[in-house]
Amino acid sequence: MNVCMKLRIVGCLFVCLFSGYYVNAQNITYSVVHQENSRDANFEILGKVGQNYIVFKNIGWKNIIQVFDRNMKEFSN
């Protein structure tokens, strides 16, 4: 085995070992499910204000606006 081949093998090992170090994955967070949420519930994300998300929820005859933080935890008053 010549020197060039050894350098290629070492280079491939180096790339394989350290390429996964810089990989970033998307973080998915779900909010808590309430009992009143049913099949006839409609959700609309109105937007983001600062670090909070504003969501409009229509369940049957009720209309609700909810505020979630960036971890999808509902604010309560």
PDB file of N, CA and C in Angstrom:
ATOM      1  N   MET A   1       0.854  -1.176   0.000  1.00  0.00           N
ATOM      2  CA  MET A   1       0.000   0.000   0.000  1.00  0.00           C
ATOM      3  C   MET A   1       0.897   1.236   0.000  1.00  0.00           C
ATOM      4  N   ASN A   2       0.654   2.120  -0.936  1.00  0.00           N
ATOM      5  CA  ASN A   2       1.504   3.301  -1.034  1.00  0.00           C
ATOM      6  C   ASN A   2       1.001   4.418  -0.120  1.00  0.00           C
ATOM      7  N   VAL A   3       1.741   5.479  -0.040  1.00  0.00           N
ATOM      8  CA  VAL A   3       1.454   6.596   0.857  1.00  0.00           C
ATOM      9  C   VAL A   3       0.157   7.302   0.466  1.00  0.00           C
ATOM     10  N   CYS A   4      -0.087   7.446  -0.822  1.00  0.00           N
ATOM     11  CA  CYS A   4      -1.286   8.138  -1.303  1.00  0.00           C
ATOM     12  C   CYS A   4      -2.554   7.388  -0.864  1.00  0.00           C
ATOM     13  N   MET A   5      -2.511   6.067  -0.947  1.00  0.00           N
ATOM     14  CA  MET A   5      -3.656   5.263  -0.548  1.00  0.00           C
ATOM     15  C   MET A   5      -3.901   5.370   0.958  1.00  0.00           C
ATOM     16  N   LYS A   6      -2.822   5.384   1.746  1.00  0.00           N
ATOM     17  CA  LYS A   6      -2.956   5.521   3.193  1.00  0.00           C
ATOM     18  C   LYS A   6      -3.552   6.880   3.556  1.00  0.00           C
ATOM     19  N   LEU A   7      -3.140   7.934   2.861  1.00  0.00           N
ATOM     20  CA  LEU A   7      -3.696   9.263   3.118  1.00  0.00           C
ATOM     21  C   LEU A   7      -5.189   9.331   2.781  1.00  0.00           C
ATOM     22  N   ARG A   8      -5.575   8.646   1.713  1.00  0.00           N
ATOM     23  CA  ARG A   8      -7.000   8.606   1.361  1.00  0.00           C
ATOM     24  C   ARG A   8      -7.820   7.909   2.441  1.00  0.00           C
ATOM     25  N   ILE A   9      -7.326   6.805   2.940  1.00  0.00           N
ATOM     26  CA  ILE A   9      -8.041   6.051   3.985  1.00  0.00           C
ATOM     27  C   ILE A   9      -8.154   6.889   5.255  1.00  0.00           C
ATOM     28  N   VAL A  10      -7.050   7.517   5.654  1.00  0.00           N
ATOM     29  CA  VAL A  10      -7.073   8.371   6.844  1.00  0.00           C
ATOM     30  C   VAL A  10      -8.010   9.552   6.636  1.00  0.00           C
ATOM     31  N   GLY A  11      -8.006  10.144   5.460  1.00  0.00           N
ATOM     32  CA  GLY A  11      -8.900  11.262   5.147  1.00  0.00           C
ATOM     33  C   GLY A  11     -10.358  10.848   5.196  1.00  0.00           C
ATOM     34  N   CYS A  12     -10.683   9.687   4.643  1.00  0.00           N
ATOM     35  CA  CYS A  12     -12.065   9.185   4.682  1.00  0.00           C
ATOM     36  C   CYS A  12     -12.518   8.913   6.118  1.00  0.00           C
ATOM     37  N   LEU A  13     -11.637   8.329   6.918  1.00  0.00           N
ATOM     38  CA  LEU A  13     -11.968   8.090   8.325  1.00  0.00           C
ATOM     39  C   LEU A  13     -12.198   9.400   9.064  1.00  0.00           C
ATOM     40  N   PHE A  14     -11.355  10.382   8.788  1.00  0.00           N
ATOM     41  CA  PHE A  14     -11.492  11.687   9.425  1.00  0.00           C
ATOM     42  C   PHE A  14     -12.835  12.334   9.069  1.00  0.00           C
ATOM     43  N   VAL A  15     -13.198  12.286   7.804  1.00  0.00           N
ATOM     44  CA  VAL A  15     -14.468  12.870   7.353  1.00  0.00           C
ATOM     45  C   VAL A  15     -15.641  12.132   7.976  1.00  0.00           C
ATOM     46  N   CYS A  16     -15.593  10.816   8.018  1.00  0.00           N
ATOM     47  CA  CYS A  16     -16.688  10.024   8.596  1.00  0.00           C
ATOM     48  C   CYS A  16     -16.857  10.284  10.088  1.00  0.00           C
ATOM     49  N   LEU A  17     -15.768  10.415  10.802  1.00  0.00           N
ATOM     50  CA  LEU A  17     -15.847  10.600  12.252  1.00  0.00           C
ATOM     51  C   LEU A  17     -16.321  11.993  12.638  1.00  0.00           C
ATOM     52  N   PHE A  18     -15.897  13.019  11.927  1.00  0.00           N
ATOM     53  CA  PHE A  18     -16.162  14.385  12.350  1.00  0.00           C
ATOM     54  C   PHE A  18     -17.239  15.101  11.543  1.00  0.00           C
ATOM     55  N   SER A  19     -17.788  14.472  10.521  1.00  0.00           N
ATOM     56  CA  SER A  19     -18.837  15.144   9.746  1.00  0.00           C
ATOM     57  C   SER A  19     -20.152  15.205  10.525  1.00  0.00           C
ATOM     58  N   GLY A  20     -20.441  14.240  11.379  1.00  0.00           N
ATOM     59  CA  GLY A  20     -21.660  14.238  12.169  1.00  0.00           C
ATOM     60  C   GLY A  20     -21.644  15.241  13.309  1.00  0.00           C
ATOM     61  N   TYR A  21     -20.509  15.790  13.610  1.00  0.00           N
ATOM     62  CA  TYR A  21     -20.386  16.744  14.704  1.00  0.00           C
ATOM     63  C   TYR A  21     -21.092  18.048  14.396  1.00  0.00           C
ATOM     64  N   TYR A  22     -21.171  18.441  13.144  1.00  0.00           N
ATOM     65  CA  TYR A  22     -21.742  19.726  12.754  1.00  0.00           C
ATOM     66  C   TYR A  22     -23.179  19.625  12.249  1.00  0.00           C
ATOM     67  N   VAL A  23     -23.801  18.473  12.355  1.00  0.00           N
ATOM     68  CA  VAL A  23     -25.162  18.291  11.848  1.00  0.00           C
ATOM     69  C   VAL A  23     -26.152  18.848  12.864  1.00  0.00           C
ATOM     70  N   ASN A  24     -27.054  19.717  12.399  1.00  0.00           N
ATOM     71  CA  ASN A  24     -28.113  20.261  13.243  1.00  0.00           C
ATOM     72  C   ASN A  24     -29.445  19.716  12.757  1.00  0.00           C
ATOM     73  N   ALA A  25     -30.307  19.343  13.689  1.00  0.00           N
ATOM     74  CA  ALA A  25     -31.626  18.816  13.333  1.00  0.00           C
ATOM     75  C   ALA A  25     -32.704  19.797  13.766  1.00  0.00           C
ATOM     76  N   GLN A  26     -33.836  19.703  13.128  1.00  0.00           N
ATOM     77  CA  GLN A  26     -34.970  20.549  13.464  1.00  0.00           C
ATOM     78  C   GLN A  26     -35.589  20.071  14.763  1.00  0.00           C
ATOM     79  N   ASN A  27     -36.019  20.988  15.609  1.00  0.00           N
ATOM     80  CA  ASN A  27     -36.643  20.656  16.876  1.00  0.00           C
ATOM     81  C   ASN A  27     -38.147  20.828  16.733  1.00  0.00           C
ATOM     82  N   ILE A  28     -38.909  19.769  16.996  1.00  0.00           N
ATOM     83  CA  ILE A  28     -40.367  19.811  16.898  1.00  0.00           C
ATOM     84  C   ILE A  28     -40.946  19.734  18.297  1.00  0.00           C
ATOM     85  N   THR A  29     -41.831  20.680  18.619  1.00  0.00           N
ATOM     86  CA  THR A  29     -42.454  20.739  19.938  1.00  0.00           C
ATOM     87  C   THR A  29     -43.966  20.750  19.773  1.00  0.00           C
ATOM     88  N   TYR A  30     -44.662  19.942  20.543  1.00  0.00           N
ATOM     89  CA  TYR A  30     -46.117  19.873  20.488  1.00  0.00           C
ATOM     90  C   TYR A  30     -46.710  20.496  21.743  1.00  0.00           C
ATOM     91  N   SER A  31     -47.885  21.103  21.612  1.00  0.00           N
ATOM     92  CA  SER A  31     -48.563  21.673  22.764  1.00  0.00           C
ATOM     93  C   SER A  31     -49.428  20.606  23.425  1.00  0.00           C
ATOM     94  N   VAL A  32     -49.918  20.917  24.611  1.00  0.00           N
ATOM     95  CA  VAL A  32     -50.762  20.008  25.366  1.00  0.00           C
ATOM     96  C   VAL A  32     -52.132  19.931  24.689  1.00  0.00           C
ATOM     97  N   VAL A  33     -52.696  18.732  24.591  1.00  0.00           N
ATOM     98  CA  VAL A  33     -54.008  18.545  23.972  1.00  0.00           C
ATOM     99  C   VAL A  33     -55.081  18.704  25.046  1.00  0.00           C
ATOM    100  N   HIS A  34     -56.069  19.563  24.770  1.00  0.00           N
ATOM    101  CA  HIS A  34     -57.180  19.771  25.701  1.00  0.00           C
ATOM    102  C   HIS A  34     -58.320  18.831  25.363  1.00  0.00           C
ATOM    103  N   GLN A  35     -59.159  18.530  26.349  1.00  0.00           N
ATOM    104  CA  GLN A  35     -60.286  17.625  26.137  1.00  0.00           C
ATOM    105  C   GLN A  35     -61.309  18.203  25.170  1.00  0.00           C
ATOM    106  N   GLU A  36     -61.454  19.530  25.125  1.00  0.00           N
ATOM    107  CA  GLU A  36     -62.463  20.111  24.245  1.00  0.00           C
ATOM    108  C   GLU A  36     -62.069  20.050  22.780  1.00  0.00           C
ATOM    109  N   ASN A  37     -60.808  19.734  22.493  1.00  0.00           N
ATOM    110  CA  ASN A  37     -60.394  19.604  21.096  1.00  0.00           C
ATOM    111  C   ASN A  37     -61.019  18.348  20.508  1.00  0.00           C
ATOM    112  N   SER A  38     -61.745  18.502  19.437  1.00  0.00           N
ATOM    113  CA  SER A  38     -62.407  17.364  18.815  1.00  0.00           C
ATOM    114  C   SER A  38     -62.220  17.427  17.309  1.00  0.00           C
ATOM    115  N   ARG A  39     -62.941  16.587  16.614  1.00  0.00           N
ATOM    116  CA  ARG A  39     -62.788  16.523  15.159  1.00  0.00           C
ATOM    117  C   ARG A  39     -63.261  17.792  14.472  1.00  0.00           C
ATOM    118  N   ASP A  40     -64.214  18.487  15.054  1.00  0.00           N
ATOM    119  CA  ASP A  40     -64.741  19.683  14.398  1.00  0.00           C
ATOM    120  C   ASP A  40     -63.983  20.951  14.793  1.00  0.00           C
ATOM    121  N   ALA A  41     -62.808  20.785  15.360  1.00  0.00           N
ATOM    122  CA  ALA A  41     -61.996  21.943  15.755  1.00  0.00           C
ATOM    123  C   ALA A  41     -61.182  22.437  14.563  1.00  0.00           C
ATOM    124  N   ASN A  42     -61.154  23.756  14.393  1.00  0.00           N
ATOM    125  CA  ASN A  42     -60.356  24.395  13.350  1.00  0.00           C
ATOM    126  C   ASN A  42     -59.338  25.317  14.006  1.00  0.00           C
ATOM    127  N   PHE A  43     -58.110  25.252  13.530  1.00  0.00           N
ATOM    128  CA  PHE A  43     -57.038  26.072  14.078  1.00  0.00           C
ATOM    129  C   PHE A  43     -56.458  26.961  12.990  1.00  0.00           C
ATOM    130  N   GLU A  44     -56.158  28.183  13.338  1.00  0.00           N
ATOM    131  CA  GLU A  44     -55.483  29.114  12.437  1.00  0.00           C
ATOM    132  C   GLU A  44     -54.353  29.778  13.227  1.00  0.00           C
ATOM    133  N   ILE A  45     -53.146  29.710  12.724  1.00  0.00           N
ATOM    134  CA  ILE A  45     -52.038  30.421  13.357  1.00  0.00           C
ATOM    135  C   ILE A  45     -52.074  31.847  12.843  1.00  0.00           C
ATOM    136  N   LEU A  46     -52.362  32.784  13.745  1.00  0.00           N
ATOM    137  CA  LEU A  46     -52.492  34.180  13.346  1.00  0.00           C
ATOM    138  C   LEU A  46     -51.142  34.837  13.128  1.00  0.00           C
ATOM    139  N   GLY A  47     -50.160  34.463  13.932  1.00  0.00           N
ATOM    140  CA  GLY A  47     -48.842  35.057  13.761  1.00  0.00           C
ATOM    141  C   GLY A  47     -47.984  34.914  14.989  1.00  0.00           C
ATOM    142  N   LYS A  48     -46.856  35.583  14.925  1.00  0.00           N
ATOM    143  CA  LYS A  48     -45.891  35.552  16.015  1.00  0.00           C
ATOM    144  C   LYS A  48     -45.661  36.977  16.486  1.00  0.00           C
ATOM    145  N   VAL A  49     -45.803  37.174  17.789  1.00  0.00           N
ATOM    146  CA  VAL A  49     -45.563  38.482  18.394  1.00  0.00           C
ATOM    147  C   VAL A  49     -44.442  38.300  19.408  1.00  0.00           C
ATOM    148  N   GLY A  50     -43.280  38.841  19.111  1.00  0.00           N
ATOM    149  CA  GLY A  50     -42.117  38.631  19.979  1.00  0.00           C
ATOM    150  C   GLY A  50     -41.731  37.158  19.957  1.00  0.00           C
ATOM    151  N   GLN A  51     -41.721  36.529  21.108  1.00  0.00           N
ATOM    152  CA  GLN A  51     -41.427  35.099  21.214  1.00  0.00           C
ATOM    153  C   GLN A  51     -42.693  34.262  21.350  1.00  0.00           C
ATOM    154  N   ASN A  52     -43.877  34.876  21.223  1.00  0.00           N
ATOM    155  CA  ASN A  52     -45.144  34.190  21.441  1.00  0.00           C
ATOM    156  C   ASN A  52     -45.881  33.963  20.126  1.00  0.00           C
ATOM    157  N   TYR A  53     -46.655  32.876  20.081  1.00  0.00           N
ATOM    158  CA  TYR A  53     -47.474  32.550  18.918  1.00  0.00           C
ATOM    159  C   TYR A  53     -48.939  32.773  19.282  1.00  0.00           C
ATOM    160  N   ILE A  54     -49.685  33.418  18.386  1.00  0.00           N
ATOM    161  CA  ILE A  54     -51.104  33.683  18.579  1.00  0.00           C
ATOM    162  C   ILE A  54     -51.878  32.720  17.686  1.00  0.00           C
ATOM    163  N   VAL A  55     -52.803  31.942  18.290  1.00  0.00           N
ATOM    164  CA  VAL A  55     -53.556  30.921  17.562  1.00  0.00           C
ATOM    165  C   VAL A  55     -55.045  31.163  17.773  1.00  0.00           C
ATOM    166  N   PHE A  56     -55.804  31.145  16.669  1.00  0.00           N
ATOM    167  CA  PHE A  56     -57.261  31.240  16.717  1.00  0.00           C
ATOM    168  C   PHE A  56     -57.812  29.823  16.632  1.00  0.00           C
ATOM    169  N   LYS A  57     -58.721  29.478  17.564  1.00  0.00           N
ATOM    170  CA  LYS A  57     -59.295  28.138  17.605  1.00  0.00           C
ATOM    171  C   LYS A  57     -60.810  28.253  17.549  1.00  0.00           C
ATOM    172  N   ASN A  58     -61.441  27.500  16.650  1.00  0.00           N
ATOM    173  CA  ASN A  58     -62.890  27.457  16.513  1.00  0.00           C
ATOM    174  C   ASN A  58     -63.335  26.027  16.768  1.00  0.00           C
ATOM    175  N   ILE A  59     -64.088  25.828  17.867  1.00  0.00           N
ATOM    176  CA  ILE A  59     -64.608  24.510  18.212  1.00  0.00           C
ATOM    177  C   ILE A  59     -66.127  24.622  18.266  1.00  0.00           C
ATOM    178  N   GLY A  60     -66.772  24.086  17.258  1.00  0.00           N
ATOM    179  CA  GLY A  60     -68.233  24.168  17.204  1.00  0.00           C
ATOM    180  C   GLY A  60     -68.681  25.619  17.184  1.00  0.00           C
ATOM    181  N   TRP A  61     -69.297  26.068  18.264  1.00  0.00           N
ATOM    182  CA  TRP A  61     -69.805  27.439  18.355  1.00  0.00           C
ATOM    183  C   TRP A  61     -68.883  28.354  19.142  1.00  0.00           C
ATOM    184  N   LYS A  62     -67.770  27.829  19.712  1.00  0.00           N
ATOM    185  CA  LYS A  62     -66.849  28.641  20.511  1.00  0.00           C
ATOM    186  C   LYS A  62     -65.676  29.127  19.676  1.00  0.00           C
ATOM    187  N   ASN A  63     -65.306  30.372  19.863  1.00  0.00           N
ATOM    188  CA  ASN A  63     -64.119  30.953  19.233  1.00  0.00           C
ATOM    189  C   ASN A  63     -63.153  31.366  20.333  1.00  0.00           C
ATOM    190  N   ILE A  64     -61.908  30.908  20.238  1.00  0.00           N
ATOM    191  CA  ILE A  64     -60.915  31.148  21.288  1.00  0.00           C
ATOM    192  C   ILE A  64     -59.627  31.641  20.634  1.00  0.00           C
ATOM    193  N   ILE A  65     -58.984  32.601  21.270  1.00  0.00           N
ATOM    194  CA  ILE A  65     -57.630  33.007  20.870  1.00  0.00           C
ATOM    195  C   ILE A  65     -56.689  32.583  21.986  1.00  0.00           C
ATOM    196  N   GLN A  66     -55.689  31.792  21.625  1.00  0.00           N
ATOM    197  CA  GLN A  66     -54.726  31.292  22.594  1.00  0.00           C
ATOM    198  C   GLN A  66     -53.354  31.876  22.305  1.00  0.00           C
ATOM    199  N   VAL A  67     -52.550  32.019  23.360  1.00  0.00           N
ATOM    200  CA  VAL A  67     -51.184  32.516  23.239  1.00  0.00           C
ATOM    201  C   VAL A  67     -50.255  31.426  23.756  1.00  0.00           C
ATOM    202  N   PHE A  68     -49.272  31.057  22.924  1.00  0.00           N
ATOM    203  CA  PHE A  68     -48.294  30.038  23.280  1.00  0.00           C
ATOM    204  C   PHE A  68     -46.910  30.663  23.297  1.00  0.00           C
ATOM    205  N   ASP A  69     -46.049  30.170  24.215  1.00  0.00           N
ATOM    206  CA  ASP A  69     -44.667  30.634  24.203  1.00  0.00           C
ATOM    207  C   ASP A  69     -43.881  29.834  23.168  1.00  0.00           C
ATOM    208  N   ARG A  70     -42.582  30.059  23.078  1.00  0.00           N
ATOM    209  CA  ARG A  70     -41.809  29.404  22.022  1.00  0.00           C
ATOM    210  C   ARG A  70     -41.643  27.914  22.260  1.00  0.00           C
ATOM    211  N   ASN A  71     -41.948  27.419  23.468  1.00  0.00           N
ATOM    212  CA  ASN A  71     -41.930  25.983  23.767  1.00  0.00           C
ATOM    213  C   ASN A  71     -43.313  25.367  23.645  1.00  0.00           C
ATOM    214  N   MET A  72     -44.249  26.113  23.046  1.00  0.00           N
ATOM    215  CA  MET A  72     -45.637  25.700  22.826  1.00  0.00           C
ATOM    216  C   MET A  72     -46.356  25.376  24.136  1.00  0.00           C
ATOM    217  N   LYS A  73     -46.042  26.115  25.185  1.00  0.00           N
ATOM    218  CA  LYS A  73     -46.774  26.028  26.443  1.00  0.00           C
ATOM    219  C   LYS A  73     -47.743  27.195  26.475  1.00  0.00           C
ATOM    220  N   GLU A  74     -48.997  26.892  26.784  1.00  0.00           N
ATOM    221  CA  GLU A  74     -50.048  27.911  26.758  1.00  0.00           C
ATOM    222  C   GLU A  74     -49.920  28.854  27.950  1.00  0.00           C
ATOM    223  N   PHE A  75     -50.064  30.159  27.673  1.00  0.00           N
ATOM    224  CA  PHE A  75     -50.112  31.135  28.751  1.00  0.00           C
ATOM    225  C   PHE A  75     -51.484  31.084  29.381  1.00  0.00           C
ATOM    226  N   SER A  76     -51.540  31.178  30.705  1.00  0.00           N
ATOM    227  CA  SER A  76     -52.843  31.244  31.390  1.00  0.00           C
ATOM    228  C   SER A  76     -52.915  32.528  32.177  1.00  0.00           C
ATOM    229  N   ASN A  77     -54.078  33.118  32.191  1.00  0.00           N
ATOM    230  CA  ASN A  77     -54.272  34.393  32.907  1.00  0.00           C
ATOM    231  C   ASN A  77     -54.748  34.164  34.316  1.00  0.00           C
TER     232      ASN A  77
END
